[in-house]
Amino acid sequence: VAAMGALARVYLSWQRGEDPEHPPWTWPAI
């Protein structure tokens, strides 16, 4: 669940077209 929760946030961020200049390290770390 931890891995899939982090994966979901990365995927949905991409789907919404969010392209932050400095992507957070939190989700990859989790």
mmCIF file of all heavy atoms, coordinates in Angstrom:
data_MODEL
# 
_entry.id   MODEL 
# 
loop_
_atom_site.group_PDB 
_atom_site.id 
_atom_site.type_symbol 
_atom_site.label_atom_id 
_atom_site.label_alt_id 
_atom_site.label_comp_id 
_atom_site.label_asym_id 
_atom_site.label_entity_id 
_atom_site.label_seq_id 
_atom_site.pdbx_PDB_ins_code 
_atom_site.Cartn_x 
_atom_site.Cartn_y 
_atom_site.Cartn_z 
_atom_site.occupancy 
_atom_site.B_iso_or_equiv 
_atom_site.pdbx_formal_charge 
_atom_site.auth_seq_id 
_atom_site.auth_comp_id 
_atom_site.auth_asym_id 
_atom_site.auth_atom_id 
_atom_site.pdbx_PDB_model_num 
ATOM 1   N N   . VAL A 1 1  ? 0.839  -1.205 0.000   1.00 0.00 ? 1  VAL A N   1 
ATOM 2   C CA  . VAL A 1 1  ? 0.000  0.000  0.000   1.00 0.00 ? 1  VAL A CA  1 
ATOM 3   C C   . VAL A 1 1  ? 0.873  1.254  0.000   1.00 0.00 ? 1  VAL A C   1 
ATOM 4   O O   . VAL A 1 1  ? 0.550  2.250  -0.663  1.00 0.00 ? 1  VAL A O   1 
ATOM 5   C CB  . VAL A 1 1  ? -0.965 0.003  1.202   1.00 0.00 ? 1  VAL A CB  1 
ATOM 6   C CG1 . VAL A 1 1  ? -1.860 1.238  1.163   1.00 0.00 ? 1  VAL A CG1 1 
ATOM 7   C CG2 . VAL A 1 1  ? -1.829 -1.240 1.196   1.00 0.00 ? 1  VAL A CG2 1 
ATOM 8   N N   . ALA A 1 2  ? 1.988  1.228  0.719   1.00 0.00 ? 2  ALA A N   1 
ATOM 9   C CA  . ALA A 1 2  ? 2.892  2.381  0.721   1.00 0.00 ? 2  ALA A CA  1 
ATOM 10  C C   . ALA A 1 2  ? 3.437  2.623  -0.684  1.00 0.00 ? 2  ALA A C   1 
ATOM 11  O O   . ALA A 1 2  ? 3.453  3.765  -1.178  1.00 0.00 ? 2  ALA A O   1 
ATOM 12  C CB  . ALA A 1 2  ? 4.037  2.150  1.706   1.00 0.00 ? 2  ALA A CB  1 
ATOM 13  N N   . ALA A 1 3  ? 3.895  1.559  -1.340  1.00 0.00 ? 3  ALA A N   1 
ATOM 14  C CA  . ALA A 1 3  ? 4.449  1.704  -2.689  1.00 0.00 ? 3  ALA A CA  1 
ATOM 15  C C   . ALA A 1 3  ? 3.381  2.187  -3.670  1.00 0.00 ? 3  ALA A C   1 
ATOM 16  O O   . ALA A 1 3  ? 3.629  3.091  -4.479  1.00 0.00 ? 3  ALA A O   1 
ATOM 17  C CB  . ALA A 1 3  ? 5.039  0.375  -3.154  1.00 0.00 ? 3  ALA A CB  1 
ATOM 18  N N   . MET A 1 4  ? 2.187  1.602  -3.605  1.00 0.00 ? 4  MET A N   1 
ATOM 19  C CA  . MET A 1 4  ? 1.140  1.966  -4.564  1.00 0.00 ? 4  MET A CA  1 
ATOM 20  C C   . MET A 1 4  ? 0.581  3.359  -4.280  1.00 0.00 ? 4  MET A C   1 
ATOM 21  O O   . MET A 1 4  ? 0.193  4.082  -5.202  1.00 0.00 ? 4  MET A O   1 
ATOM 22  C CB  . MET A 1 4  ? 0.018  0.933  -4.523  1.00 0.00 ? 4  MET A CB  1 
ATOM 23  C CG  . MET A 1 4  ? 0.469  -0.477 -4.890  1.00 0.00 ? 4  MET A CG  1 
ATOM 24  S SD  . MET A 1 4  ? 1.321  -0.602 -6.474  1.00 0.00 ? 4  MET A SD  1 
ATOM 25  C CE  . MET A 1 4  ? -0.046 -0.416 -7.596  1.00 0.00 ? 4  MET A CE  1 
ATOM 26  N N   . GLY A 1 5  ? 0.576  3.759  -3.016  1.00 0.00 ? 5  GLY A N   1 
ATOM 27  C CA  . GLY A 1 5  ? 0.128  5.121  -2.703  1.00 0.00 ? 5  GLY A CA  1 
ATOM 28  C C   . GLY A 1 5  ? 1.071  6.164  -3.271  1.00 0.00 ? 5  GLY A C   1 
ATOM 29  O O   . GLY A 1 5  ? 0.630  7.186  -3.818  1.00 0.00 ? 5  GLY A O   1 
ATOM 30  N N   . ALA A 1 6  ? 2.377  5.919  -3.149  1.00 0.00 ? 6  ALA A N   1 
ATOM 31  C CA  . ALA A 1 6  ? 3.349  6.846  -3.732  1.00 0.00 ? 6  ALA A CA  1 
ATOM 32  C C   . ALA A 1 6  ? 3.276  6.817  -5.254  1.00 0.00 ? 6  ALA A C   1 
ATOM 33  O O   . ALA A 1 6  ? 3.332  7.869  -5.910  1.00 0.00 ? 6  ALA A O   1 
ATOM 34  C CB  . ALA A 1 6  ? 4.755  6.468  -3.266  1.00 0.00 ? 6  ALA A CB  1 
ATOM 35  N N   . LEU A 1 7  ? 3.142  5.622  -5.830  1.00 0.00 ? 7  LEU A N   1 
ATOM 36  C CA  . LEU A 1 7  ? 3.030  5.496  -7.285  1.00 0.00 ? 7  LEU A CA  1 
ATOM 37  C C   . LEU A 1 7  ? 1.797  6.220  -7.802  1.00 0.00 ? 7  LEU A C   1 
ATOM 38  O O   . LEU A 1 7  ? 1.841  6.885  -8.855  1.00 0.00 ? 7  LEU A O   1 
ATOM 39  C CB  . LEU A 1 7  ? 2.967  4.012  -7.652  1.00 0.00 ? 7  LEU A CB  1 
ATOM 40  C CG  . LEU A 1 7  ? 3.149  3.647  -9.134  1.00 0.00 ? 7  LEU A CG  1 
ATOM 41  C CD1 . LEU A 1 7  ? 4.570  3.953  -9.587  1.00 0.00 ? 7  LEU A CD1 1 
ATOM 42  C CD2 . LEU A 1 7  ? 2.827  2.166  -9.353  1.00 0.00 ? 7  LEU A CD2 1 
ATOM 43  N N   . ALA A 1 8  ? 0.692  6.121  -7.075  1.00 0.00 ? 8  ALA A N   1 
ATOM 44  C CA  . ALA A 1 8  ? -0.544 6.790  -7.489  1.00 0.00 ? 8  ALA A CA  1 
ATOM 45  C C   . ALA A 1 8  ? -0.367 8.304  -7.524  1.00 0.00 ? 8  ALA A C   1 
ATOM 46  O O   . ALA A 1 8  ? -0.835 8.972  -8.464  1.00 0.00 ? 8  ALA A O   1 
ATOM 47  C CB  . ALA A 1 8  ? -1.677 6.416  -6.533  1.00 0.00 ? 8  ALA A CB  1 
ATOM 48  N N   . ARG A 1 9  ? 0.298  8.858  -6.530  1.00 0.00 ? 9  ARG A N   1 
ATOM 49  C CA  . ARG A 1 9  ? 0.468  10.305 -6.504  1.00 0.00 ? 9  ARG A CA  1 
ATOM 50  C C   . ARG A 1 9  ? 1.340  10.796 -7.665  1.00 0.00 ? 9  ARG A C   1 
ATOM 51  O O   . ARG A 1 9  ? 1.067  11.834 -8.263  1.00 0.00 ? 9  ARG A O   1 
ATOM 52  C CB  . ARG A 1 9  ? 1.071  10.722 -5.162  1.00 0.00 ? 9  ARG A CB  1 
ATOM 53  C CG  . ARG A 1 9  ? 0.022  10.795 -4.068  1.00 0.00 ? 9  ARG A CG  1 
ATOM 54  C CD  . ARG A 1 9  ? 0.624  10.868 -2.680  1.00 0.00 ? 9  ARG A CD  1 
ATOM 55  N NE  . ARG A 1 9  ? -0.407 11.230 -1.711  1.00 0.00 ? 9  ARG A NE  1 
ATOM 56  C CZ  . ARG A 1 9  ? -1.357 10.416 -1.268  1.00 0.00 ? 9  ARG A CZ  1 
ATOM 57  N NH1 . ARG A 1 9  ? -1.394 9.171  -1.710  1.00 0.00 ? 9  ARG A NH1 1 
ATOM 58  N NH2 . ARG A 1 9  ? -2.271 10.831 -0.405  1.00 0.00 ? 9  ARG A NH2 1 
ATOM 59  N N   . VAL A 1 10 ? 2.368  10.020 -7.986  1.00 0.00 ? 10 VAL A N   1 
ATOM 60  C CA  . VAL A 1 10 ? 3.205  10.395 -9.123  1.00 0.00 ? 10 VAL A CA  1 
ATOM 61  C C   . VAL A 1 10 ? 2.399  10.317 -10.420 1.00 0.00 ? 10 VAL A C   1 
ATOM 62  O O   . VAL A 1 10 ? 2.445  11.226 -11.260 1.00 0.00 ? 10 VAL A O   1 
ATOM 63  C CB  . VAL A 1 10 ? 4.442  9.473  -9.190  1.00 0.00 ? 10 VAL A CB  1 
ATOM 64  C CG1 . VAL A 1 10 ? 5.223  9.700  -10.474 1.00 0.00 ? 10 VAL A CG1 1 
ATOM 65  C CG2 . VAL A 1 10 ? 5.344  9.713  -7.983  1.00 0.00 ? 10 VAL A CG2 1 
ATOM 66  N N   . TYR A 1 11 ? 1.641  9.264  -10.588 1.00 0.00 ? 11 TYR A N   1 
ATOM 67  C CA  . TYR A 1 11 ? 0.866  9.066  -11.819 1.00 0.00 ? 11 TYR A CA  1 
ATOM 68  C C   . TYR A 1 11 ? -0.222 10.133 -11.979 1.00 0.00 ? 11 TYR A C   1 
ATOM 69  O O   . TYR A 1 11 ? -0.380 10.715 -13.064 1.00 0.00 ? 11 TYR A O   1 
ATOM 70  C CB  . TYR A 1 11 ? 0.236  7.674  -11.804 1.00 0.00 ? 11 TYR A CB  1 
ATOM 71  C CG  . TYR A 1 11 ? -0.671 7.404  -12.979 1.00 0.00 ? 11 TYR A CG  1 
ATOM 72  C CD1 . TYR A 1 11 ? -0.142 7.165  -14.246 1.00 0.00 ? 11 TYR A CD1 1 
ATOM 73  C CD2 . TYR A 1 11 ? -2.059 7.402  -12.834 1.00 0.00 ? 11 TYR A CD2 1 
ATOM 74  C CE1 . TYR A 1 11 ? -0.972 6.919  -15.334 1.00 0.00 ? 11 TYR A CE1 1 
ATOM 75  C CE2 . TYR A 1 11 ? -2.896 7.154  -13.909 1.00 0.00 ? 11 TYR A CE2 1 
ATOM 76  C CZ  . TYR A 1 11 ? -2.345 6.913  -15.157 1.00 0.00 ? 11 TYR A CZ  1 
ATOM 77  O OH  . TYR A 1 11 ? -3.174 6.681  -16.231 1.00 0.00 ? 11 TYR A OH  1 
ATOM 78  N N   . LEU A 1 12 ? -0.967 10.392 -10.907 1.00 0.00 ? 12 LEU A N   1 
ATOM 79  C CA  . LEU A 1 12 ? -2.058 11.369 -11.003 1.00 0.00 ? 12 LEU A CA  1 
ATOM 80  C C   . LEU A 1 12 ? -1.518 12.778 -11.201 1.00 0.00 ? 12 LEU A C   1 
ATOM 81  O O   . LEU A 1 12 ? -2.150 13.603 -11.883 1.00 0.00 ? 12 LEU A O   1 
ATOM 82  C CB  . LEU A 1 12 ? -2.930 11.303 -9.746  1.00 0.00 ? 12 LEU A CB  1 
ATOM 83  C CG  . LEU A 1 12 ? -3.703 9.989  -9.564  1.00 0.00 ? 12 LEU A CG  1 
ATOM 84  C CD1 . LEU A 1 12 ? -4.450 9.992  -8.245  1.00 0.00 ? 12 LEU A CD1 1 
ATOM 85  C CD2 . LEU A 1 12 ? -4.658 9.756  -10.723 1.00 0.00 ? 12 LEU A CD2 1 
ATOM 86  N N   . SER A 1 13 ? -0.363 13.067 -10.626 1.00 0.00 ? 13 SER A N   1 
ATOM 87  C CA  . SER A 1 13 ? 0.270  14.363 -10.865 1.00 0.00 ? 13 SER A CA  1 
ATOM 88  C C   . SER A 1 13 ? 0.598  14.534 -12.350 1.00 0.00 ? 13 SER A C   1 
ATOM 89  O O   . SER A 1 13 ? 0.377  15.604 -12.936 1.00 0.00 ? 13 SER A O   1 
ATOM 90  C CB  . SER A 1 13 ? 1.531  14.482 -10.009 1.00 0.00 ? 13 SER A CB  1 
ATOM 91  O OG  . SER A 1 13 ? 2.255  15.641 -10.326 1.00 0.00 ? 13 SER A OG  1 
ATOM 92  N N   . TRP A 1 14 ? 1.100  13.481 -12.958 1.00 0.00 ? 14 TRP A N   1 
ATOM 93  C CA  . TRP A 1 14 ? 1.406  13.523 -14.398 1.00 0.00 ? 14 TRP A CA  1 
ATOM 94  C C   . TRP A 1 14 ? 0.117  13.646 -15.216 1.00 0.00 ? 14 TRP A C   1 
ATOM 95  O O   . TRP A 1 14 ? 0.057  14.422 -16.184 1.00 0.00 ? 14 TRP A O   1 
ATOM 96  C CB  . TRP A 1 14 ? 2.158  12.258 -14.779 1.00 0.00 ? 14 TRP A CB  1 
ATOM 97  C CG  . TRP A 1 14 ? 2.396  12.094 -16.240 1.00 0.00 ? 14 TRP A CG  1 
ATOM 98  C CD1 . TRP A 1 14 ? 3.305  12.762 -17.014 1.00 0.00 ? 14 TRP A CD1 1 
ATOM 99  C CD2 . TRP A 1 14 ? 1.703  11.198 -17.120 1.00 0.00 ? 14 TRP A CD2 1 
ATOM 100 N NE1 . TRP A 1 14 ? 3.220  12.340 -18.322 1.00 0.00 ? 14 TRP A NE1 1 
ATOM 101 C CE2 . TRP A 1 14 ? 2.248  11.370 -18.418 1.00 0.00 ? 14 TRP A CE2 1 
ATOM 102 C CE3 . TRP A 1 14 ? 0.694  10.251 -16.944 1.00 0.00 ? 14 TRP A CE3 1 
ATOM 103 C CZ2 . TRP A 1 14 ? 1.793  10.644 -19.517 1.00 0.00 ? 14 TRP A CZ2 1 
ATOM 104 C CZ3 . TRP A 1 14 ? 0.247  9.534  -18.034 1.00 0.00 ? 14 TRP A CZ3 1 
ATOM 105 C CH2 . TRP A 1 14 ? 0.797  9.724  -19.304 1.00 0.00 ? 14 TRP A CH2 1 
ATOM 106 N N   . GLN A 1 15 ? -0.922 12.942 -14.829 1.00 0.00 ? 15 GLN A N   1 
ATOM 107 C CA  . GLN A 1 15 ? -2.185 12.995 -15.553 1.00 0.00 ? 15 GLN A CA  1 
ATOM 108 C C   . GLN A 1 15 ? -2.806 14.388 -15.491 1.00 0.00 ? 15 GLN A C   1 
ATOM 109 O O   . GLN A 1 15 ? -3.451 14.834 -16.451 1.00 0.00 ? 15 GLN A O   1 
ATOM 110 C CB  . GLN A 1 15 ? -3.170 11.966 -14.973 1.00 0.00 ? 15 GLN A CB  1 
ATOM 111 C CG  . GLN A 1 15 ? -2.963 10.546 -15.456 1.00 0.00 ? 15 GLN A CG  1 
ATOM 112 C CD  . GLN A 1 15 ? -3.539 10.326 -16.839 1.00 0.00 ? 15 GLN A CD  1 
ATOM 113 O OE1 . GLN A 1 15 ? -3.973 11.259 -17.514 1.00 0.00 ? 15 GLN A OE1 1 
ATOM 114 N NE2 . GLN A 1 15 ? -3.535 9.080  -17.304 1.00 0.00 ? 15 GLN A NE2 1 
ATOM 115 N N   . ARG A 1 16 ? -2.612 15.076 -14.382 1.00 0.00 ? 16 ARG A N   1 
ATOM 116 C CA  . ARG A 1 16 ? -3.173 16.429 -14.252 1.00 0.00 ? 16 ARG A CA  1 
ATOM 117 C C   . ARG A 1 16 ? -2.307 17.486 -14.926 1.00 0.00 ? 16 ARG A C   1 
ATOM 118 O O   . ARG A 1 16 ? -2.628 18.665 -14.888 1.00 0.00 ? 16 ARG A O   1 
ATOM 119 C CB  . ARG A 1 16 ? -3.343 16.767 -12.763 1.00 0.00 ? 16 ARG A CB  1 
ATOM 120 C CG  . ARG A 1 16 ? -4.446 15.989 -12.067 1.00 0.00 ? 16 ARG A CG  1 
ATOM 121 C CD  . ARG A 1 16 ? -4.759 16.560 -10.698 1.00 0.00 ? 16 ARG A CD  1 
ATOM 122 N NE  . ARG A 1 16 ? -3.682 16.336 -9.754  1.00 0.00 ? 16 ARG A NE  1 
ATOM 123 C CZ  . ARG A 1 16 ? -3.632 15.327 -8.882  1.00 0.00 ? 16 ARG A CZ  1 
ATOM 124 N NH1 . ARG A 1 16 ? -4.608 14.434 -8.867  1.00 0.00 ? 16 ARG A NH1 1 
ATOM 125 N NH2 . ARG A 1 16 ? -2.633 15.202 -8.043  1.00 0.00 ? 16 ARG A NH2 1 
ATOM 126 N N   . GLY A 1 17 ? -1.209 17.064 -15.507 1.00 0.00 ? 17 GLY A N   1 
ATOM 127 C CA  . GLY A 1 17 ? -0.356 18.001 -16.226 1.00 0.00 ? 17 GLY A CA  1 
ATOM 128 C C   . GLY A 1 17 ? 0.544  18.811 -15.335 1.00 0.00 ? 17 GLY A C   1 
ATOM 129 O O   . GLY A 1 17 ? 1.117  19.818 -15.776 1.00 0.00 ? 17 GLY A O   1 
ATOM 130 N N   . GLU A 1 18 ? 0.707  18.397 -14.095 1.00 0.00 ? 18 GLU A N   1 
ATOM 131 C CA  . GLU A 1 18 ? 1.580  19.122 -13.179 1.00 0.00 ? 18 GLU A CA  1 
ATOM 132 C C   . GLU A 1 18 ? 3.035  18.812 -13.527 1.00 0.00 ? 18 GLU A C   1 
ATOM 133 O O   . GLU A 1 18 ? 3.411  17.648 -13.660 1.00 0.00 ? 18 GLU A O   1 
ATOM 134 C CB  . GLU A 1 18 ? 1.278  18.715 -11.734 1.00 0.00 ? 18 GLU A CB  1 
ATOM 135 C CG  . GLU A 1 18 ? -0.146 19.055 -11.297 1.00 0.00 ? 18 GLU A CG  1 
ATOM 136 C CD  . GLU A 1 18 ? -0.452 18.516 -9.916  1.00 0.00 ? 18 GLU A CD  1 
ATOM 137 O OE1 . GLU A 1 18 ? 0.455  17.888 -9.309  1.00 0.00 ? 18 GLU A OE1 1 
ATOM 138 O OE2 . GLU A 1 18 ? -1.595 18.696 -9.445  1.00 0.00 ? 18 GLU A OE2 1 
ATOM 139 N N   . ASP A 1 19 ? 3.832  19.818 -13.667 1.00 0.00 ? 19 ASP A N   1 
ATOM 140 C CA  . ASP A 1 19 ? 5.238  19.639 -14.038 1.00 0.00 ? 19 ASP A CA  1 
ATOM 141 C C   . ASP A 1 19 ? 6.093  20.552 -13.177 1.00 0.00 ? 19 ASP A C   1 
ATOM 142 O O   . ASP A 1 19 ? 6.626  21.573 -13.638 1.00 0.00 ? 19 ASP A O   1 
ATOM 143 C CB  . ASP A 1 19 ? 5.436  19.951 -15.521 1.00 0.00 ? 19 ASP A CB  1 
ATOM 144 C CG  . ASP A 1 19 ? 6.830  19.548 -16.004 1.00 0.00 ? 19 ASP A CG  1 
ATOM 145 O OD1 . ASP A 1 19 ? 7.488  18.768 -15.286 1.00 0.00 ? 19 ASP A OD1 1 
ATOM 146 O OD2 . ASP A 1 19 ? 7.241  20.013 -17.078 1.00 0.00 ? 19 ASP A OD2 1 
ATOM 147 N N   . PRO A 1 20 ? 6.242  20.206 -11.886 1.00 0.00 ? 20 PRO A N   1 
ATOM 148 C CA  . PRO A 1 20 ? 6.999  21.078 -10.986 1.00 0.00 ? 20 PRO A CA  1 
ATOM 149 C C   . PRO A 1 20 ? 8.462  21.167 -11.389 1.00 0.00 ? 20 PRO A C   1 
ATOM 150 O O   . PRO A 1 20 ? 9.042  20.214 -11.914 1.00 0.00 ? 20 PRO A O   1 
ATOM 151 C CB  . PRO A 1 20 ? 6.828  20.398 -9.620  1.00 0.00 ? 20 PRO A CB  1 
ATOM 152 C CG  . PRO A 1 20 ? 6.541  18.970 -9.951  1.00 0.00 ? 20 PRO A CG  1 
ATOM 153 C CD  . PRO A 1 20 ? 5.764  18.995 -11.230 1.00 0.00 ? 20 PRO A CD  1 
ATOM 154 N N   . GLU A 1 21 ? 9.026  22.333 -11.141 1.00 0.00 ? 21 GLU A N   1 
ATOM 155 C CA  . GLU A 1 21 ? 10.424 22.538 -11.501 1.00 0.00 ? 21 GLU A CA  1 
ATOM 156 C C   . GLU A 1 21 ? 11.345 21.640 -10.687 1.00 0.00 ? 21 GLU A C   1 
ATOM 157 O O   . GLU A 1 21 ? 12.351 21.133 -11.191 1.00 0.00 ? 21 GLU A O   1 
ATOM 158 C CB  . GLU A 1 21 ? 10.786 24.012 -11.273 1.00 0.00 ? 21 GLU A CB  1 
ATOM 159 C CG  . GLU A 1 21 ? 12.203 24.367 -11.719 1.00 0.00 ? 21 GLU A CG  1 
ATOM 160 C CD  . GLU A 1 21 ? 12.495 25.840 -11.553 1.00 0.00 ? 21 GLU A CD  1 
ATOM 161 O OE1 . GLU A 1 21 ? 11.530 26.614 -11.317 1.00 0.00 ? 21 GLU A OE1 1 
ATOM 162 O OE2 . GLU A 1 21 ? 13.670 26.229 -11.657 1.00 0.00 ? 21 GLU A OE2 1 
ATOM 163 N N   . HIS A 1 22 ? 10.984 21.420 -9.443  1.00 0.00 ? 22 HIS A N   1 
ATOM 164 C CA  . HIS A 1 22 ? 11.762 20.534 -8.575  1.00 0.00 ? 22 HIS A CA  1 
ATOM 165 C C   . HIS A 1 22 ? 10.818 19.469 -8.002  1.00 0.00 ? 22 HIS A C   1 
ATOM 166 O O   . HIS A 1 22 ? 10.201 19.681 -6.951  1.00 0.00 ? 22 HIS A O   1 
ATOM 167 C CB  . HIS A 1 22 ? 12.414 21.322 -7.433  1.00 0.00 ? 22 HIS A CB  1 
ATOM 168 C CG  . HIS A 1 22 ? 13.357 22.389 -7.906  1.00 0.00 ? 22 HIS A CG  1 
ATOM 169 N ND1 . HIS A 1 22 ? 14.576 22.109 -8.484  1.00 0.00 ? 22 HIS A ND1 1 
ATOM 170 C CD2 . HIS A 1 22 ? 13.239 23.758 -7.905  1.00 0.00 ? 22 HIS A CD2 1 
ATOM 171 C CE1 . HIS A 1 22 ? 15.183 23.233 -8.810  1.00 0.00 ? 22 HIS A CE1 1 
ATOM 172 N NE2 . HIS A 1 22 ? 14.393 24.257 -8.477  1.00 0.00 ? 22 HIS A NE2 1 
ATOM 173 N N   . PRO A 1 23 ? 10.658 18.340 -8.696  1.00 0.00 ? 23 PRO A N   1 
ATOM 174 C CA  . PRO A 1 23 ? 9.759  17.281 -8.216  1.00 0.00 ? 23 PRO A CA  1 
ATOM 175 C C   . PRO A 1 23 ? 10.150 16.825 -6.817  1.00 0.00 ? 23 PRO A C   1 
ATOM 176 O O   . PRO A 1 23 ? 11.346 16.743 -6.498  1.00 0.00 ? 23 PRO A O   1 
ATOM 177 C CB  . PRO A 1 23 ? 9.954  16.158 -9.244  1.00 0.00 ? 23 PRO A CB  1 
ATOM 178 C CG  . PRO A 1 23 ? 10.528 16.834 -10.447 1.00 0.00 ? 23 PRO A CG  1 
ATOM 179 C CD  . PRO A 1 23 ? 11.335 17.982 -9.940  1.00 0.00 ? 23 PRO A CD  1 
ATOM 180 N N   . PRO A 1 24 ? 9.174  16.566 -5.963  1.00 0.00 ? 24 PRO A N   1 
ATOM 181 C CA  . PRO A 1 24 ? 9.494  16.175 -4.577  1.00 0.00 ? 24 PRO A CA  1 
ATOM 182 C C   . PRO A 1 24 ? 10.194 14.812 -4.519  1.00 0.00 ? 24 PRO A C   1 
ATOM 183 O O   . PRO A 1 24 ? 9.955  13.930 -5.340  1.00 0.00 ? 24 PRO A O   1 
ATOM 184 C CB  . PRO A 1 24 ? 8.108  16.106 -3.911  1.00 0.00 ? 24 PRO A CB  1 
ATOM 185 C CG  . PRO A 1 24 ? 7.159  15.855 -5.036  1.00 0.00 ? 24 PRO A CG  1 
ATOM 186 C CD  . PRO A 1 24 ? 7.727  16.577 -6.223  1.00 0.00 ? 24 PRO A CD  1 
ATOM 187 N N   . TRP A 1 25 ? 11.045 14.685 -3.523  1.00 0.00 ? 25 TRP A N   1 
ATOM 188 C CA  . TRP A 1 25 ? 11.732 13.412 -3.284  1.00 0.00 ? 25 TRP A CA  1 
ATOM 189 C C   . TRP A 1 25 ? 10.909 12.485 -2.391  1.00 0.00 ? 25 TRP A C   1 
ATOM 190 O O   . TRP A 1 25 ? 11.213 11.292 -2.276  1.00 0.00 ? 25 TRP A O   1 
ATOM 191 C CB  . TRP A 1 25 ? 13.083 13.666 -2.622  1.00 0.00 ? 25 TRP A CB  1 
ATOM 192 C CG  . TRP A 1 25 ? 14.155 14.064 -3.582  1.00 0.00 ? 25 TRP A CG  1 
ATOM 193 C CD1 . TRP A 1 25 ? 14.475 15.328 -3.982  1.00 0.00 ? 25 TRP A CD1 1 
ATOM 194 C CD2 . TRP A 1 25 ? 15.050 13.189 -4.274  1.00 0.00 ? 25 TRP A CD2 1 
ATOM 195 N NE1 . TRP A 1 25 ? 15.512 15.306 -4.883  1.00 0.00 ? 25 TRP A NE1 1 
ATOM 196 C CE2 . TRP A 1 25 ? 15.888 14.000 -5.078  1.00 0.00 ? 25 TRP A CE2 1 
ATOM 197 C CE3 . TRP A 1 25 ? 15.227 11.809 -4.297  1.00 0.00 ? 25 TRP A CE3 1 
ATOM 198 C CZ2 . TRP A 1 25 ? 16.878 13.471 -5.887  1.00 0.00 ? 25 TRP A CZ2 1 
ATOM 199 C CZ3 . TRP A 1 25 ? 16.223 11.271 -5.095  1.00 0.00 ? 25 TRP A CZ3 1 
ATOM 200 C CH2 . TRP A 1 25 ? 17.036 12.098 -5.887  1.00 0.00 ? 25 TRP A CH2 1 
ATOM 201 N N   . THR A 1 26 ? 9.877  13.025 -1.744  1.00 0.00 ? 26 THR A N   1 
ATOM 202 C CA  . THR A 1 26 ? 9.130  12.241 -0.755  1.00 0.00 ? 26 THR A CA  1 
ATOM 203 C C   . THR A 1 26 ? 8.518  10.990 -1.361  1.00 0.00 ? 26 THR A C   1 
ATOM 204 O O   . THR A 1 26 ? 8.670  9.878  -0.835  1.00 0.00 ? 26 THR A O   1 
ATOM 205 C CB  . THR A 1 26 ? 8.028  13.103 -0.126  1.00 0.00 ? 26 THR A CB  1 
ATOM 206 O OG1 . THR A 1 26 ? 8.601  14.301 0.390   1.00 0.00 ? 26 THR A OG1 1 
ATOM 207 C CG2 . THR A 1 26 ? 7.328  12.347 0.990   1.00 0.00 ? 26 THR A CG2 1 
ATOM 208 N N   . TRP A 1 27 ? 7.792  11.149 -2.471  1.00 0.00 ? 27 TRP A N   1 
ATOM 209 C CA  . TRP A 1 27 ? 7.114  10.004 -3.074  1.00 0.00 ? 27 TRP A CA  1 
ATOM 210 C C   . TRP A 1 27 ? 8.099  8.955  -3.572  1.00 0.00 ? 27 TRP A C   1 
ATOM 211 O O   . TRP A 1 27 ? 7.908  7.764  -3.296  1.00 0.00 ? 27 TRP A O   1 
ATOM 212 C CB  . TRP A 1 27 ? 6.176  10.464 -4.183  1.00 0.00 ? 27 TRP A CB  1 
ATOM 213 C CG  . TRP A 1 27 ? 5.111  11.397 -3.708  1.00 0.00 ? 27 TRP A CG  1 
ATOM 214 C CD1 . TRP A 1 27 ? 4.642  11.529 -2.424  1.00 0.00 ? 27 TRP A CD1 1 
ATOM 215 C CD2 . TRP A 1 27 ? 4.387  12.350 -4.486  1.00 0.00 ? 27 TRP A CD2 1 
ATOM 216 N NE1 . TRP A 1 27 ? 3.676  12.491 -2.363  1.00 0.00 ? 27 TRP A NE1 1 
ATOM 217 C CE2 . TRP A 1 27 ? 3.494  13.024 -3.615  1.00 0.00 ? 27 TRP A CE2 1 
ATOM 218 C CE3 . TRP A 1 27 ? 4.408  12.718 -5.837  1.00 0.00 ? 27 TRP A CE3 1 
ATOM 219 C CZ2 . TRP A 1 27 ? 2.629  14.010 -4.054  1.00 0.00 ? 27 TRP A CZ2 1 
ATOM 220 C CZ3 . TRP A 1 27 ? 3.534  13.699 -6.282  1.00 0.00 ? 27 TRP A CZ3 1 
ATOM 221 C CH2 . TRP A 1 27 ? 2.661  14.345 -5.396  1.00 0.00 ? 27 TRP A CH2 1 
ATOM 222 N N   . PRO A 1 28 ? 9.167  9.319  -4.297  1.00 0.00 ? 28 PRO A N   1 
ATOM 223 C CA  . PRO A 1 28 ? 10.142 8.295  -4.674  1.00 0.00 ? 28 PRO A CA  1 
ATOM 224 C C   . PRO A 1 28 ? 10.776 7.602  -3.466  1.00 0.00 ? 28 PRO A C   1 
ATOM 225 O O   . PRO A 1 28 ? 11.017 6.388  -3.500  1.00 0.00 ? 28 PRO A O   1 
ATOM 226 C CB  . PRO A 1 28 ? 11.190 9.074  -5.482  1.00 0.00 ? 28 PRO A CB  1 
ATOM 227 C CG  . PRO A 1 28 ? 10.448 10.252 -6.015  1.00 0.00 ? 28 PRO A CG  1 
ATOM 228 C CD  . PRO A 1 28 ? 9.469  10.619 -4.938  1.00 0.00 ? 28 PRO A CD  1 
ATOM 229 N N   . ALA A 1 29 ? 11.050 8.363  -2.405  1.00 0.00 ? 29 ALA A N   1 
ATOM 230 C CA  . ALA A 1 29 ? 11.669 7.758  -1.210  1.00 0.00 ? 29 ALA A CA  1 
ATOM 231 C C   . ALA A 1 29 ? 10.745 6.710  -0.598  1.00 0.00 ? 29 ALA A C   1 
ATOM 232 O O   . ALA A 1 29 ? 11.175 5.613  -0.226  1.00 0.00 ? 29 ALA A O   1 
ATOM 233 C CB  . ALA A 1 29 ? 12.009 8.842  -0.187  1.00 0.00 ? 29 ALA A CB  1 
ATOM 234 N N   . ILE A 1 30 ? 9.459  7.047  -0.486  1.00 0.00 ? 30 ILE A N   1 
ATOM 235 C CA  . ILE A 1 30 ? 8.492  6.087  0.052   1.00 0.00 ? 30 ILE A CA  1 
ATOM 236 C C   . ILE A 1 30 ? 8.397  4.866  -0.854  1.00 0.00 ? 30 ILE A C   1 
ATOM 237 O O   . ILE A 1 30 ? 8.391  3.711  -0.390  1.00 0.00 ? 30 ILE A O   1 
ATOM 238 C CB  . ILE A 1 30 ? 7.109  6.752  0.222   1.00 0.00 ? 30 ILE A CB  1 
ATOM 239 C CG1 . ILE A 1 30 ? 7.172  7.843  1.297   1.00 0.00 ? 30 ILE A CG1 1 
ATOM 240 C CG2 . ILE A 1 30 ? 6.042  5.719  0.563   1.00 0.00 ? 30 ILE A CG2 1 
ATOM 241 C CD1 . ILE A 1 30 ? 5.905  8.669  1.406   1.00 0.00 ? 30 ILE A CD1 1 
# 
